[in-house]
């Protein structure tokens, strides 16, 4: 079987690392992008090679346009063409709206939104040039649907990527290129002492996702089994946003028992 090629940004740890390794185990050679965590990228490559894939670490700050151009140049020098682009790199920063600085806004927006936009564009240009019916998956977040404290930069950036996926899907469909958004919720990437661990009991399925579970969904979306899917988002959050009223959490996730009152006619 001829192996396909994939570029995964932010692949030195967490969800990005799981995605790169899962793809390597399922017929992809991978470009492993990282910015600061070189040892993590090398570990991702080691695991990918262990699965029989070609894996190359590629350093770049994807929020910098020229650096992103250089990343694609380096990727194409190694792999020639691209079958799957995964815009995963992102930064999660949470600040009170009244205290946000321009520097904070620029940092989150350029990495979470700008990088996904131009990463999609650069991958699509190569696919079109080589007449490849490729796939582009942009990692967003369940913040697209829910409001969380101090997420006033992060959530709108992910929301922009989500809407962009639909626009890009429309424009790229004539070339046979599918564009999808994958929205993870709480994923098991935090240390045991992180305060976020307290959220587990409020999630209907009672746990966080593993990075590998998110990666497996992405693998499915990129496969021919999903050949008729484009311009849509898949959310993987264990139902975290379902209990939107207090009653939904008072009985372990189920609604309170419904009391039916008789009408006058029934008495």
Protein backbone atom coordinates (compact mmCIF):
# COMPACT_ATOMS: atom_id res chain seq x y z
CA UNK A 1 0.00 0.00 0.00
CA UNK A 2 1.35 3.39 -0.98
CA UNK A 3 1.71 5.61 2.05
CA UNK A 4 0.07 9.02 2.18
CA UNK A 5 1.62 12.20 3.55
CA UNK A 6 0.42 14.41 6.37
CA UNK A 7 1.63 17.59 8.04
CA UNK A 8 0.57 18.04 11.66
CA UNK A 9 1.27 21.36 13.35
CA UNK A 10 1.88 21.49 17.09
CA UNK A 11 2.74 17.79 17.13
CA UNK A 12 5.34 17.68 19.91
CA UNK A 13 2.89 16.73 22.66
CA UNK A 14 -0.74 16.15 23.60
CA UNK A 15 -3.38 15.86 20.90
CA UNK A 16 -0.97 16.80 18.10
CA UNK A 17 1.47 14.06 19.08
CA UNK A 18 -1.34 11.49 19.29
CA UNK A 19 -2.60 12.54 15.85
CA UNK A 20 0.83 12.21 14.23
CA UNK A 21 1.49 8.78 15.78
CA UNK A 22 -2.01 7.49 14.94
CA UNK A 23 -1.59 8.60 11.33
CA UNK A 24 1.82 6.92 11.20
CA UNK A 25 0.25 3.66 12.35
CA UNK A 26 -2.35 3.93 9.61
CA UNK A 27 -0.43 4.51 6.40
CA UNK A 28 0.82 8.09 6.64
CA UNK A 29 4.32 9.54 6.56
CA UNK A 30 4.29 12.62 8.74
CA UNK A 31 5.84 16.04 9.05
CA UNK A 32 5.99 16.80 12.77
CA UNK A 33 5.83 20.54 13.36
CA UNK A 34 6.91 22.08 16.63
CA UNK A 35 7.96 25.51 17.88
CA UNK A 36 9.85 25.15 21.17
CA UNK A 37 9.59 21.52 22.28
CA UNK A 38 12.26 19.87 20.16
CA UNK A 39 12.62 16.84 22.42
CA UNK A 40 8.88 16.25 22.25
CA UNK A 41 8.96 16.42 18.46
CA UNK A 42 11.80 13.90 18.39
CA UNK A 43 9.75 11.58 20.60
CA UNK A 44 6.78 11.92 18.23
CA UNK A 45 9.06 11.05 15.32
CA UNK A 46 10.49 8.08 17.20
CA UNK A 47 7.03 6.68 17.84
CA UNK A 48 6.00 7.31 14.24
CA UNK A 49 9.10 5.60 12.87
CA UNK A 50 8.49 2.70 15.20
CA UNK A 51 5.21 2.26 13.32
CA UNK A 52 7.07 2.12 10.00
CA UNK A 53 6.51 5.69 8.89
CA UNK A 54 8.84 8.32 7.62
CA UNK A 55 8.72 11.14 10.17
CA UNK A 56 10.58 14.44 10.06
CA UNK A 57 10.65 17.14 12.79
CA UNK A 58 9.99 20.58 11.32
CA UNK A 59 10.51 23.64 13.50
CA UNK A 60 8.43 26.75 12.82
CA UNK A 61 6.32 29.34 14.60
CA UNK A 62 3.19 28.81 12.51
CA UNK A 63 1.76 32.16 13.58
CA UNK A 64 4.54 33.88 11.63
CA UNK A 65 3.67 33.95 7.92
CA UNK A 66 7.24 33.69 6.66
CA UNK A 67 8.00 30.88 9.11
CA UNK A 68 4.87 29.06 7.93
CA UNK A 69 6.01 29.43 4.31
CA UNK A 70 9.36 27.96 5.33
CA UNK A 71 7.60 25.07 7.07
CA UNK A 72 5.76 24.13 3.89
CA UNK A 73 8.92 24.49 1.81
CA UNK A 74 10.71 22.11 4.17
CA UNK A 75 7.79 19.68 4.16
CA UNK A 76 7.55 19.58 0.37
CA UNK A 77 11.33 19.14 0.10
CA UNK A 78 10.95 15.98 2.20
CA UNK A 79 7.63 14.62 1.00
CA UNK A 80 6.86 16.26 -2.35
CA UNK A 81 3.09 16.51 -1.96
CA UNK A 82 0.52 16.52 0.82
CA UNK A 83 -2.58 14.37 1.29
CA UNK A 84 -3.68 15.53 4.72
CA UNK A 85 -3.16 18.84 6.50
CA UNK A 86 -3.89 19.03 10.23
CA UNK A 87 -3.88 22.56 11.64
CA UNK A 88 -3.58 21.63 15.28
CA UNK A 89 -1.12 24.15 16.75
CA UNK A 90 -2.73 26.54 19.18
CA UNK A 91 -2.27 28.47 22.36
CA UNK A 92 -4.85 28.60 25.14
CA UNK A 93 -4.73 31.84 27.08
CA UNK A 94 -7.45 33.15 29.34
CA UNK A 95 -7.58 36.75 30.51
CA UNK A 96 -10.33 39.03 31.86
CA UNK A 97 -11.71 41.11 29.01
CA UNK A 98 -10.99 44.40 30.76
CA UNK A 99 -7.33 43.46 31.19
CA UNK A 100 -6.47 42.01 27.77
CA UNK A 101 -3.46 43.60 26.07
CA UNK A 102 -2.86 43.93 22.37
CA UNK A 103 0.15 41.62 22.73
CA UNK A 104 -2.01 38.87 24.25
CA UNK A 105 -4.66 39.32 21.58
CA UNK A 106 -2.10 39.19 18.78
CA UNK A 107 -0.37 36.08 20.17
CA UNK A 108 -3.51 33.98 20.51
CA UNK A 109 -5.12 35.20 17.30
CA UNK A 110 -2.10 34.68 15.06
CA UNK A 111 -1.42 31.14 16.31
CA UNK A 112 -5.00 29.90 16.66
CA UNK A 113 -6.62 31.67 13.70
CA UNK A 114 -4.07 33.12 11.29
CA UNK A 115 -1.99 29.92 11.21
CA UNK A 116 -5.03 27.77 10.43
CA UNK A 117 -6.12 30.11 7.64
CA UNK A 118 -2.81 30.21 5.82
CA UNK A 119 -1.99 26.60 6.67
CA UNK A 120 -5.19 25.62 4.89
CA UNK A 121 -4.35 27.87 1.95
CA UNK A 122 -0.78 26.59 1.51
CA UNK A 123 -1.79 22.94 1.76
CA UNK A 124 -4.67 23.44 -0.69
CA UNK A 125 -2.44 25.15 -3.23
CA UNK A 126 -0.20 22.07 -3.35
CA UNK A 127 -3.17 19.72 -3.56
CA UNK A 128 -4.65 21.70 -6.44
CA UNK A 129 -1.31 21.90 -8.25
CA UNK A 130 -0.89 18.11 -8.04
CA UNK A 131 -4.57 17.37 -8.64
CA UNK A 132 -4.83 15.61 -5.27
CA UNK A 133 -8.25 15.18 -3.63
CA UNK A 134 -6.82 15.89 -0.21
CA UNK A 135 -8.25 16.53 3.23
CA UNK A 136 -7.72 19.47 5.60
CA UNK A 137 -8.75 19.20 9.24
CA UNK A 138 -8.66 22.23 11.50
CA UNK A 139 -8.69 21.60 15.24
CA UNK A 140 -11.10 23.97 16.96
CA UNK A 141 -12.76 23.51 20.37
CA UNK A 142 -16.11 23.08 22.09
CA UNK A 143 -15.55 26.74 23.04
CA UNK A 144 -17.19 27.35 19.66
CA UNK A 145 -20.53 26.44 21.27
CA UNK A 146 -20.00 27.28 24.93
CA UNK A 147 -18.86 30.28 26.94
CA UNK A 148 -16.07 29.75 29.43
CA UNK A 149 -14.49 32.27 31.85
CA UNK A 150 -11.93 34.66 30.36
CA UNK A 151 -11.97 32.91 26.95
CA UNK A 152 -12.67 36.15 25.10
CA UNK A 153 -9.68 35.78 22.72
CA UNK A 154 -9.36 32.02 22.49
CA UNK A 155 -13.03 31.20 21.82
CA UNK A 156 -13.55 33.83 19.08
CA UNK A 157 -10.34 32.67 17.38
CA UNK A 158 -11.60 29.08 17.34
CA UNK A 159 -15.00 30.33 16.22
CA UNK A 160 -13.39 32.11 13.29
CA UNK A 161 -11.62 28.90 12.24
CA UNK A 162 -14.91 27.00 12.51
CA UNK A 163 -16.73 29.40 10.17
CA UNK A 164 -13.71 29.53 7.88
CA UNK A 165 -13.87 25.74 7.45
CA UNK A 166 -17.29 26.05 5.87
CA UNK A 167 -16.19 28.83 3.52
CA UNK A 168 -13.02 26.95 2.55
CA UNK A 169 -14.99 23.75 2.00
CA UNK A 170 -17.23 25.54 -0.50
CA UNK A 171 -14.33 27.00 -2.45
CA UNK A 172 -12.22 23.85 -2.46
CA UNK A 173 -14.95 21.28 -3.18
CA UNK A 174 -14.55 21.64 -6.98
CA UNK A 175 -10.97 20.41 -6.55
CA UNK A 176 -12.05 17.37 -4.54
CA UNK A 177 -10.56 18.80 -1.34
CA UNK A 178 -12.53 18.25 1.86
CA UNK A 179 -12.26 20.69 4.78
CA UNK A 180 -13.47 19.72 8.24
CA UNK A 181 -13.34 21.03 11.80
CA UNK A 182 -12.73 18.79 14.79
CA UNK A 183 -13.68 20.22 18.18
CA UNK A 184 -12.25 18.45 21.22
CA UNK A 185 -13.52 19.27 24.68
CA UNK A 186 -11.75 18.38 27.90
CA UNK A 187 -8.82 16.13 27.01
CA UNK A 188 -6.49 14.32 29.38
CA UNK A 189 -3.36 16.43 28.90
CA UNK A 190 -3.19 18.15 32.30
CA UNK A 191 -1.26 17.20 35.42
CA UNK A 192 -3.24 15.52 38.24
CA UNK A 193 -2.97 18.62 40.45
CA UNK A 194 -4.40 21.01 37.86
CA UNK A 195 -7.65 22.62 39.12
CA UNK A 196 -9.34 21.70 35.85
CA UNK A 197 -9.49 18.10 37.07
CA UNK A 198 -12.48 19.11 39.21
CA UNK A 199 -14.56 19.41 36.03
CA UNK A 200 -14.54 15.64 35.42
CA UNK A 201 -17.58 14.94 37.61
CA UNK A 202 -19.65 17.50 35.68
CA UNK A 203 -19.09 15.81 32.31
CA UNK A 204 -21.99 13.46 31.43
CA UNK A 205 -19.63 10.64 30.44
CA UNK A 206 -17.69 11.19 33.65
CA UNK A 207 -14.18 11.55 32.27
CA UNK A 208 -11.88 13.44 29.93
CA UNK A 209 -11.05 12.21 26.43
CA UNK A 210 -7.68 10.66 25.80
CA UNK A 211 -5.59 12.29 23.06
CA UNK A 212 -5.74 8.98 21.20
CA UNK A 213 -9.55 9.09 21.12
CA UNK A 214 -9.43 12.50 19.46
CA UNK A 215 -6.78 11.23 17.03
CA UNK A 216 -8.92 8.23 16.09
CA UNK A 217 -11.83 10.51 15.21
CA UNK A 218 -9.53 12.57 13.01
CA UNK A 219 -8.26 9.43 11.28
CA UNK A 220 -11.86 8.46 10.54
CA UNK A 221 -12.70 11.92 9.17
CA UNK A 222 -9.67 11.80 6.87
CA UNK A 223 -10.57 8.34 5.57
CA UNK A 224 -12.59 7.42 2.50
CA UNK A 225 -15.39 6.31 4.82
CA UNK A 226 -16.11 10.02 5.25
CA UNK A 227 -15.68 10.90 1.59
CA UNK A 228 -19.07 12.65 1.54
CA UNK A 229 -18.33 14.88 4.53
CA UNK A 230 -17.04 18.41 4.11
CA UNK A 231 -17.68 21.82 5.62
CA UNK A 232 -18.88 20.45 8.93
CA UNK A 233 -17.68 20.14 12.50
CA UNK A 234 -17.46 17.10 14.74
CA UNK A 235 -17.42 17.74 18.49
CA UNK A 236 -15.74 15.27 20.83
CA UNK A 237 -16.39 16.43 24.39
CA UNK A 238 -18.21 13.68 26.25
CA UNK A 239 -21.37 15.76 26.29
CA UNK A 240 -19.67 18.46 28.37
CA UNK A 241 -21.97 21.20 27.08
CA UNK A 242 -25.22 19.28 27.51
CA UNK A 243 -26.11 20.10 31.16
CA UNK A 244 -26.90 23.76 30.55
CA UNK A 245 -29.38 24.05 33.45
CA UNK A 246 -28.75 23.09 37.09
CA UNK A 247 -31.40 20.33 37.01
CA UNK A 248 -29.28 18.41 34.52
CA UNK A 249 -26.53 17.86 37.06
CA UNK A 250 -28.60 17.22 40.19
CA UNK A 251 -29.37 13.56 39.38
CA UNK A 252 -26.11 12.46 37.84
CA UNK A 253 -26.80 13.98 34.44
CA UNK A 254 -30.48 13.06 34.07
CA UNK A 255 -33.34 15.49 34.36
CA UNK A 256 -35.24 15.58 37.61
CA UNK A 257 -38.27 13.23 37.69
CA UNK A 258 -41.17 14.77 35.83
CA UNK A 259 -44.29 15.33 37.91
CA UNK A 260 -47.47 15.19 35.84
CA UNK A 261 -50.36 17.23 37.24
CA UNK A 262 -53.90 16.17 36.47
CA UNK A 263 -56.10 18.59 34.62
CA UNK A 264 -59.57 19.45 35.78
CA UNK A 265 -61.00 17.28 32.99
CA UNK A 266 -59.08 14.22 34.19
CA UNK A 267 -60.20 14.42 37.79
